[in-house]
């Protein structure tokens, strides 16, 4: 049984998580930005990661000169918690590392099997 498929799907899921978290962090002060989240699902081949809109709403700041301001001078900002995003980025890094270890272990098992044959 190959460890490549599940490990690569895990690496791709970690990549999706890191990209989404980086986008959320970069747009934390962008009026009208809709934060995203990643939902991971186990599959027979490994893991699937899908981006979805993040719930959590928004908050308003008073900037009457902004082109994004409403009639009251309020600008809707995304409710992004930078601490949570930092934790998401650390989790993605750990997911990368774990899946790399899986690839390396599979390589070692393959080499050991070749010595037996």
N, C-alpha and C. Protein backbone atom coordinates (compact mmCIF):
# COMPACT_ATOMS: atom_id res chain seq x y z
N UNK A 1 0.84 -1.18 0.00
CA UNK A 1 0.00 0.00 0.00
C UNK A 1 0.88 1.24 0.00
N UNK A 2 0.55 2.20 -0.84
CA UNK A 2 1.35 3.40 -0.98
C UNK A 2 0.95 4.44 0.06
N UNK A 3 1.96 5.12 0.58
CA UNK A 3 1.70 6.24 1.50
C UNK A 3 1.71 7.57 0.75
N UNK A 4 2.03 7.51 -0.54
CA UNK A 4 2.18 8.75 -1.30
C UNK A 4 0.85 9.50 -1.43
N UNK A 5 -0.21 8.80 -1.83
CA UNK A 5 -1.51 9.46 -2.05
C UNK A 5 -2.04 10.17 -0.82
N UNK A 6 -2.16 9.45 0.30
CA UNK A 6 -2.67 10.11 1.51
C UNK A 6 -1.76 11.25 1.99
N UNK A 7 -0.45 11.06 1.91
CA UNK A 7 0.47 12.10 2.36
C UNK A 7 0.37 13.34 1.46
N UNK A 8 0.30 13.12 0.15
CA UNK A 8 0.18 14.26 -0.75
C UNK A 8 -1.14 14.99 -0.57
N UNK A 9 -2.22 14.25 -0.34
CA UNK A 9 -3.50 14.92 -0.11
C UNK A 9 -3.44 15.74 1.18
N UNK A 10 -2.73 15.23 2.18
CA UNK A 10 -2.55 15.97 3.43
C UNK A 10 -1.73 17.23 3.23
N UNK A 11 -0.70 17.14 2.39
CA UNK A 11 0.13 18.30 2.08
C UNK A 11 -0.69 19.34 1.33
N UNK A 12 -1.51 18.89 0.38
CA UNK A 12 -2.36 19.82 -0.37
C UNK A 12 -3.38 20.49 0.56
N UNK A 13 -3.93 19.73 1.51
CA UNK A 13 -4.88 20.30 2.47
C UNK A 13 -4.19 21.34 3.35
N UNK A 14 -2.96 21.04 3.78
CA UNK A 14 -2.21 21.99 4.58
C UNK A 14 -1.92 23.26 3.77
N UNK A 15 -1.62 23.09 2.49
CA UNK A 15 -1.39 24.23 1.62
C UNK A 15 -2.64 25.10 1.52
N UNK A 16 -3.80 24.47 1.37
CA UNK A 16 -5.06 25.21 1.32
C UNK A 16 -5.29 25.96 2.62
N UNK A 17 -5.06 25.29 3.75
CA UNK A 17 -5.24 25.93 5.06
C UNK A 17 -4.33 27.15 5.22
N UNK A 18 -3.08 26.99 4.81
CA UNK A 18 -2.13 28.10 4.94
C UNK A 18 -2.51 29.26 4.04
N UNK A 19 -2.90 28.97 2.80
CA UNK A 19 -3.30 30.03 1.87
C UNK A 19 -4.53 30.80 2.36
N UNK A 20 -5.52 30.07 2.85
CA UNK A 20 -6.74 30.71 3.34
C UNK A 20 -6.44 31.58 4.55
N UNK A 21 -5.64 31.07 5.47
CA UNK A 21 -5.30 31.84 6.66
C UNK A 21 -4.48 33.08 6.29
N UNK A 22 -3.57 32.94 5.34
CA UNK A 22 -2.78 34.09 4.90
C UNK A 22 -3.67 35.14 4.24
N UNK A 23 -4.64 34.71 3.43
CA UNK A 23 -5.56 35.65 2.82
C UNK A 23 -6.40 36.37 3.87
N UNK A 24 -6.88 35.61 4.86
CA UNK A 24 -7.66 36.23 5.93
C UNK A 24 -6.83 37.27 6.69
N UNK A 25 -5.60 36.92 7.00
CA UNK A 25 -4.72 37.83 7.73
C UNK A 25 -4.42 39.08 6.91
N UNK A 26 -4.12 38.89 5.63
CA UNK A 26 -3.79 40.02 4.76
C UNK A 26 -4.98 40.96 4.57
N UNK A 27 -6.19 40.41 4.64
CA UNK A 27 -7.39 41.22 4.40
C UNK A 27 -8.16 41.55 5.66
N UNK A 28 -7.52 41.44 6.80
CA UNK A 28 -8.20 41.67 8.08
C UNK A 28 -8.77 43.08 8.20
N UNK A 29 -8.21 44.02 7.47
CA UNK A 29 -8.69 45.41 7.53
C UNK A 29 -9.19 45.88 6.17
N UNK A 30 -9.64 44.94 5.35
CA UNK A 30 -10.17 45.28 4.03
C UNK A 30 -11.69 45.35 4.11
N UNK A 31 -12.26 46.52 3.92
CA UNK A 31 -13.73 46.64 3.99
C UNK A 31 -14.41 45.69 3.01
N UNK A 32 -15.43 45.00 3.50
CA UNK A 32 -16.22 44.12 2.65
C UNK A 32 -15.63 42.75 2.40
N UNK A 33 -14.41 42.48 2.87
CA UNK A 33 -13.80 41.17 2.65
C UNK A 33 -14.59 40.10 3.41
N UNK A 34 -14.84 38.97 2.76
CA UNK A 34 -15.54 37.84 3.39
C UNK A 34 -14.49 36.81 3.79
N UNK A 35 -14.21 36.66 5.09
CA UNK A 35 -13.23 35.67 5.53
C UNK A 35 -13.64 34.26 5.11
N UNK A 36 -12.62 33.43 4.89
CA UNK A 36 -12.83 32.04 4.50
C UNK A 36 -12.36 31.12 5.62
N UNK A 37 -12.83 29.90 5.58
CA UNK A 37 -12.34 28.86 6.47
C UNK A 37 -12.16 27.60 5.64
N UNK A 38 -11.40 26.66 6.16
CA UNK A 38 -11.17 25.40 5.47
C UNK A 38 -11.86 24.29 6.25
N UNK A 39 -12.61 23.48 5.51
CA UNK A 39 -13.26 22.31 6.10
C UNK A 39 -12.58 21.08 5.50
N UNK A 40 -11.98 20.27 6.36
CA UNK A 40 -11.30 19.07 5.91
C UNK A 40 -12.20 17.86 6.12
N UNK A 41 -12.18 16.96 5.14
CA UNK A 41 -13.00 15.75 5.19
C UNK A 41 -12.11 14.55 4.87
N UNK A 42 -12.20 13.52 5.68
CA UNK A 42 -11.46 12.29 5.40
C UNK A 42 -12.08 11.58 4.21
N UNK A 43 -11.21 11.09 3.32
CA UNK A 43 -11.65 10.34 2.16
C UNK A 43 -10.85 9.04 2.11
N UNK A 44 -11.28 8.06 1.31
CA UNK A 44 -10.49 6.83 1.21
C UNK A 44 -9.06 7.08 0.72
N UNK A 45 -8.86 8.13 -0.07
CA UNK A 45 -7.53 8.43 -0.61
C UNK A 45 -6.72 9.35 0.29
N UNK A 46 -7.28 9.83 1.38
CA UNK A 46 -6.56 10.74 2.26
C UNK A 46 -7.47 11.77 2.88
N UNK A 47 -7.31 13.02 2.45
CA UNK A 47 -8.11 14.11 3.01
C UNK A 47 -8.46 15.10 1.90
N UNK A 48 -9.64 15.69 2.01
CA UNK A 48 -10.07 16.71 1.07
C UNK A 48 -10.25 18.00 1.87
N UNK A 49 -9.81 19.10 1.30
CA UNK A 49 -9.95 20.40 1.96
C UNK A 49 -10.73 21.34 1.05
N UNK A 50 -11.78 21.92 1.59
CA UNK A 50 -12.62 22.83 0.81
C UNK A 50 -12.71 24.17 1.53
N UNK A 51 -12.63 25.26 0.75
CA UNK A 51 -12.80 26.61 1.30
C UNK A 51 -14.29 26.92 1.38
N UNK A 52 -14.66 27.54 2.49
CA UNK A 52 -16.04 27.98 2.69
C UNK A 52 -16.03 29.35 3.35
N UNK A 53 -17.10 30.12 3.15
CA UNK A 53 -17.18 31.40 3.87
C UNK A 53 -17.19 31.16 5.37
N UNK A 54 -16.51 32.01 6.09
CA UNK A 54 -16.41 31.89 7.54
C UNK A 54 -17.55 32.66 8.18
N UNK A 55 -18.19 32.05 9.15
CA UNK A 55 -19.21 32.78 9.89
C UNK A 55 -18.50 33.62 10.95
N UNK A 56 -19.16 34.55 11.50
CA UNK A 56 -18.54 35.39 12.52
C UNK A 56 -18.87 36.85 12.33
N UNK A 57 -19.42 37.14 11.17
CA UNK A 57 -19.92 38.49 10.95
C UNK A 57 -18.86 39.52 10.67
N UNK A 58 -19.19 40.71 11.07
CA UNK A 58 -18.34 41.86 10.79
C UNK A 58 -18.53 42.89 11.89
N UNK A 59 -17.67 43.87 11.88
CA UNK A 59 -17.84 44.99 12.80
C UNK A 59 -17.75 46.27 11.98
N UNK A 60 -18.16 47.35 12.55
CA UNK A 60 -18.22 48.61 11.83
C UNK A 60 -17.30 49.63 12.46
N UNK A 61 -16.65 50.39 11.61
CA UNK A 61 -15.84 51.51 12.09
C UNK A 61 -16.36 52.78 11.42
N UNK A 62 -16.15 53.88 12.09
CA UNK A 62 -16.62 55.16 11.56
C UNK A 62 -15.53 55.78 10.70
N UNK A 63 -15.75 55.80 9.40
CA UNK A 63 -14.84 56.43 8.44
C UNK A 63 -15.69 57.08 7.35
N UNK A 64 -16.24 58.24 7.63
CA UNK A 64 -17.18 58.85 6.69
C UNK A 64 -16.58 59.20 5.33
N UNK A 65 -15.26 59.36 5.24
CA UNK A 65 -14.63 59.70 3.97
C UNK A 65 -14.30 58.49 3.11
N UNK A 66 -14.50 57.29 3.64
CA UNK A 66 -14.19 56.08 2.89
C UNK A 66 -15.22 55.86 1.78
N UNK A 67 -14.76 55.41 0.61
CA UNK A 67 -15.72 55.10 -0.45
C UNK A 67 -16.62 53.91 -0.09
N UNK A 68 -16.23 53.14 0.89
CA UNK A 68 -17.03 51.99 1.33
C UNK A 68 -18.03 52.34 2.42
N UNK A 69 -18.03 53.58 2.86
CA UNK A 69 -18.90 53.99 3.98
C UNK A 69 -20.37 54.01 3.56
N UNK A 70 -21.22 53.64 4.51
CA UNK A 70 -22.67 53.72 4.26
C UNK A 70 -23.14 55.16 4.56
N UNK A 71 -24.45 55.36 4.54
CA UNK A 71 -24.99 56.71 4.75
C UNK A 71 -24.71 57.27 6.15
N UNK A 72 -24.34 56.41 7.09
CA UNK A 72 -24.01 56.85 8.45
C UNK A 72 -22.50 57.03 8.63
N UNK A 73 -21.73 56.80 7.57
CA UNK A 73 -20.28 56.92 7.67
C UNK A 73 -19.61 55.68 8.23
N UNK A 74 -20.36 54.58 8.31
CA UNK A 74 -19.84 53.33 8.86
C UNK A 74 -19.30 52.43 7.74
N UNK A 75 -18.16 51.80 8.01
CA UNK A 75 -17.55 50.87 7.06
C UNK A 75 -17.55 49.48 7.70
N UNK A 76 -18.10 48.50 6.96
CA UNK A 76 -18.13 47.12 7.45
C UNK A 76 -16.75 46.49 7.28
N UNK A 77 -16.21 45.97 8.36
CA UNK A 77 -14.90 45.32 8.35
C UNK A 77 -15.10 43.85 8.72
N UNK A 78 -14.28 42.96 8.15
CA UNK A 78 -14.43 41.55 8.49
C UNK A 78 -14.00 41.28 9.93
N UNK A 79 -14.72 40.40 10.59
CA UNK A 79 -14.37 40.03 11.96
C UNK A 79 -13.38 38.87 11.91
N UNK A 80 -12.12 39.23 11.79
CA UNK A 80 -11.04 38.23 11.71
C UNK A 80 -10.20 38.33 12.97
N UNK A 81 -10.04 37.20 13.63
CA UNK A 81 -9.23 37.14 14.84
C UNK A 81 -7.81 36.72 14.44
N UNK A 82 -6.87 37.65 14.53
CA UNK A 82 -5.50 37.36 14.09
C UNK A 82 -4.85 36.25 14.92
N UNK A 83 -5.23 36.12 16.18
CA UNK A 83 -4.68 35.05 17.02
C UNK A 83 -5.13 33.69 16.50
N UNK A 84 -6.38 33.58 16.12
CA UNK A 84 -6.89 32.33 15.55
C UNK A 84 -6.20 32.03 14.23
N UNK A 85 -5.99 33.06 13.42
CA UNK A 85 -5.32 32.85 12.14
C UNK A 85 -3.87 32.40 12.34
N UNK A 86 -3.22 32.94 13.36
CA UNK A 86 -1.85 32.52 13.67
C UNK A 86 -1.84 31.04 14.08
N UNK A 87 -2.82 30.64 14.89
CA UNK A 87 -2.93 29.23 15.28
C UNK A 87 -3.20 28.35 14.06
N UNK A 88 -4.05 28.82 13.14
CA UNK A 88 -4.33 28.06 11.92
C UNK A 88 -3.06 27.88 11.09
N UNK A 89 -2.23 28.91 11.04
CA UNK A 89 -0.99 28.80 10.28
C UNK A 89 -0.02 27.81 10.94
N UNK A 90 0.03 27.80 12.27
CA UNK A 90 0.87 26.83 12.98
C UNK A 90 0.36 25.41 12.77
N UNK A 91 -0.96 25.23 12.78
CA UNK A 91 -1.54 23.91 12.54
C UNK A 91 -1.22 23.43 11.12
N UNK A 92 -1.28 24.34 10.15
CA UNK A 92 -0.94 23.97 8.78
C UNK A 92 0.53 23.55 8.68
N UNK A 93 1.42 24.26 9.36
CA UNK A 93 2.83 23.89 9.38
C UNK A 93 3.01 22.50 9.97
N UNK A 94 2.34 22.22 11.08
CA UNK A 94 2.44 20.89 11.69
C UNK A 94 1.86 19.81 10.77
N UNK A 95 0.81 20.15 10.05
CA UNK A 95 0.22 19.20 9.10
C UNK A 95 1.21 18.91 7.97
N UNK A 96 1.90 19.93 7.47
CA UNK A 96 2.96 19.73 6.47
C UNK A 96 4.00 18.76 7.01
N UNK A 97 4.49 19.03 8.22
CA UNK A 97 5.54 18.20 8.82
C UNK A 97 5.09 16.75 9.00
N UNK A 98 3.88 16.55 9.49
CA UNK A 98 3.38 15.20 9.71
C UNK A 98 3.27 14.42 8.41
N UNK A 99 2.79 15.07 7.37
CA UNK A 99 2.65 14.38 6.10
C UNK A 99 3.99 14.14 5.43
N UNK A 100 4.95 15.02 5.65
CA UNK A 100 6.31 14.77 5.15
C UNK A 100 6.91 13.56 5.85
N UNK A 101 6.69 13.46 7.16
CA UNK A 101 7.18 12.30 7.90
C UNK A 101 6.54 11.01 7.38
N UNK A 102 5.27 11.08 7.02
CA UNK A 102 4.59 9.93 6.45
C UNK A 102 5.24 9.51 5.12
N UNK A 103 5.55 10.50 4.29
CA UNK A 103 6.24 10.20 3.02
C UNK A 103 7.60 9.56 3.27
N UNK A 104 8.35 10.10 4.22
CA UNK A 104 9.67 9.56 4.52
C UNK A 104 9.58 8.14 5.09
N UNK A 105 8.61 7.88 5.95
CA UNK A 105 8.43 6.54 6.51
C UNK A 105 8.05 5.56 5.40
N UNK A 106 7.19 5.98 4.49
CA UNK A 106 6.82 5.12 3.36
C UNK A 106 8.01 4.80 2.50
N UNK A 107 8.88 5.78 2.28
CA UNK A 107 10.10 5.56 1.51
C UNK A 107 11.00 4.53 2.20
N UNK A 108 11.15 4.66 3.50
CA UNK A 108 11.97 3.70 4.25
C UNK A 108 11.39 2.28 4.19
N UNK A 109 10.06 2.19 4.30
CA UNK A 109 9.42 0.87 4.21
C UNK A 109 9.63 0.27 2.82
N UNK A 110 9.53 1.09 1.79
CA UNK A 110 9.73 0.63 0.42
C UNK A 110 11.17 0.12 0.24
N UNK A 111 12.15 0.85 0.75
CA UNK A 111 13.55 0.43 0.66
C UNK A 111 13.77 -0.89 1.41
N UNK A 112 13.15 -1.03 2.58
CA UNK A 112 13.28 -2.26 3.35
C UNK A 112 12.66 -3.43 2.62
N UNK A 113 11.53 -3.20 1.97
CA UNK A 113 10.87 -4.27 1.20
C UNK A 113 11.73 -4.69 0.02
N UNK A 114 12.40 -3.76 -0.62
CA UNK A 114 13.26 -4.09 -1.75
C UNK A 114 14.45 -4.94 -1.31
N UNK A 115 14.96 -4.71 -0.11
CA UNK A 115 16.07 -5.51 0.41
C UNK A 115 15.64 -6.95 0.66
N UNK A 116 14.37 -7.12 1.06
CA UNK A 116 13.86 -8.47 1.34
C UNK A 116 13.70 -9.26 0.04
N UNK A 117 13.25 -8.59 -1.00
CA UNK A 117 13.01 -9.24 -2.29
C UNK A 117 14.30 -9.50 -2.93
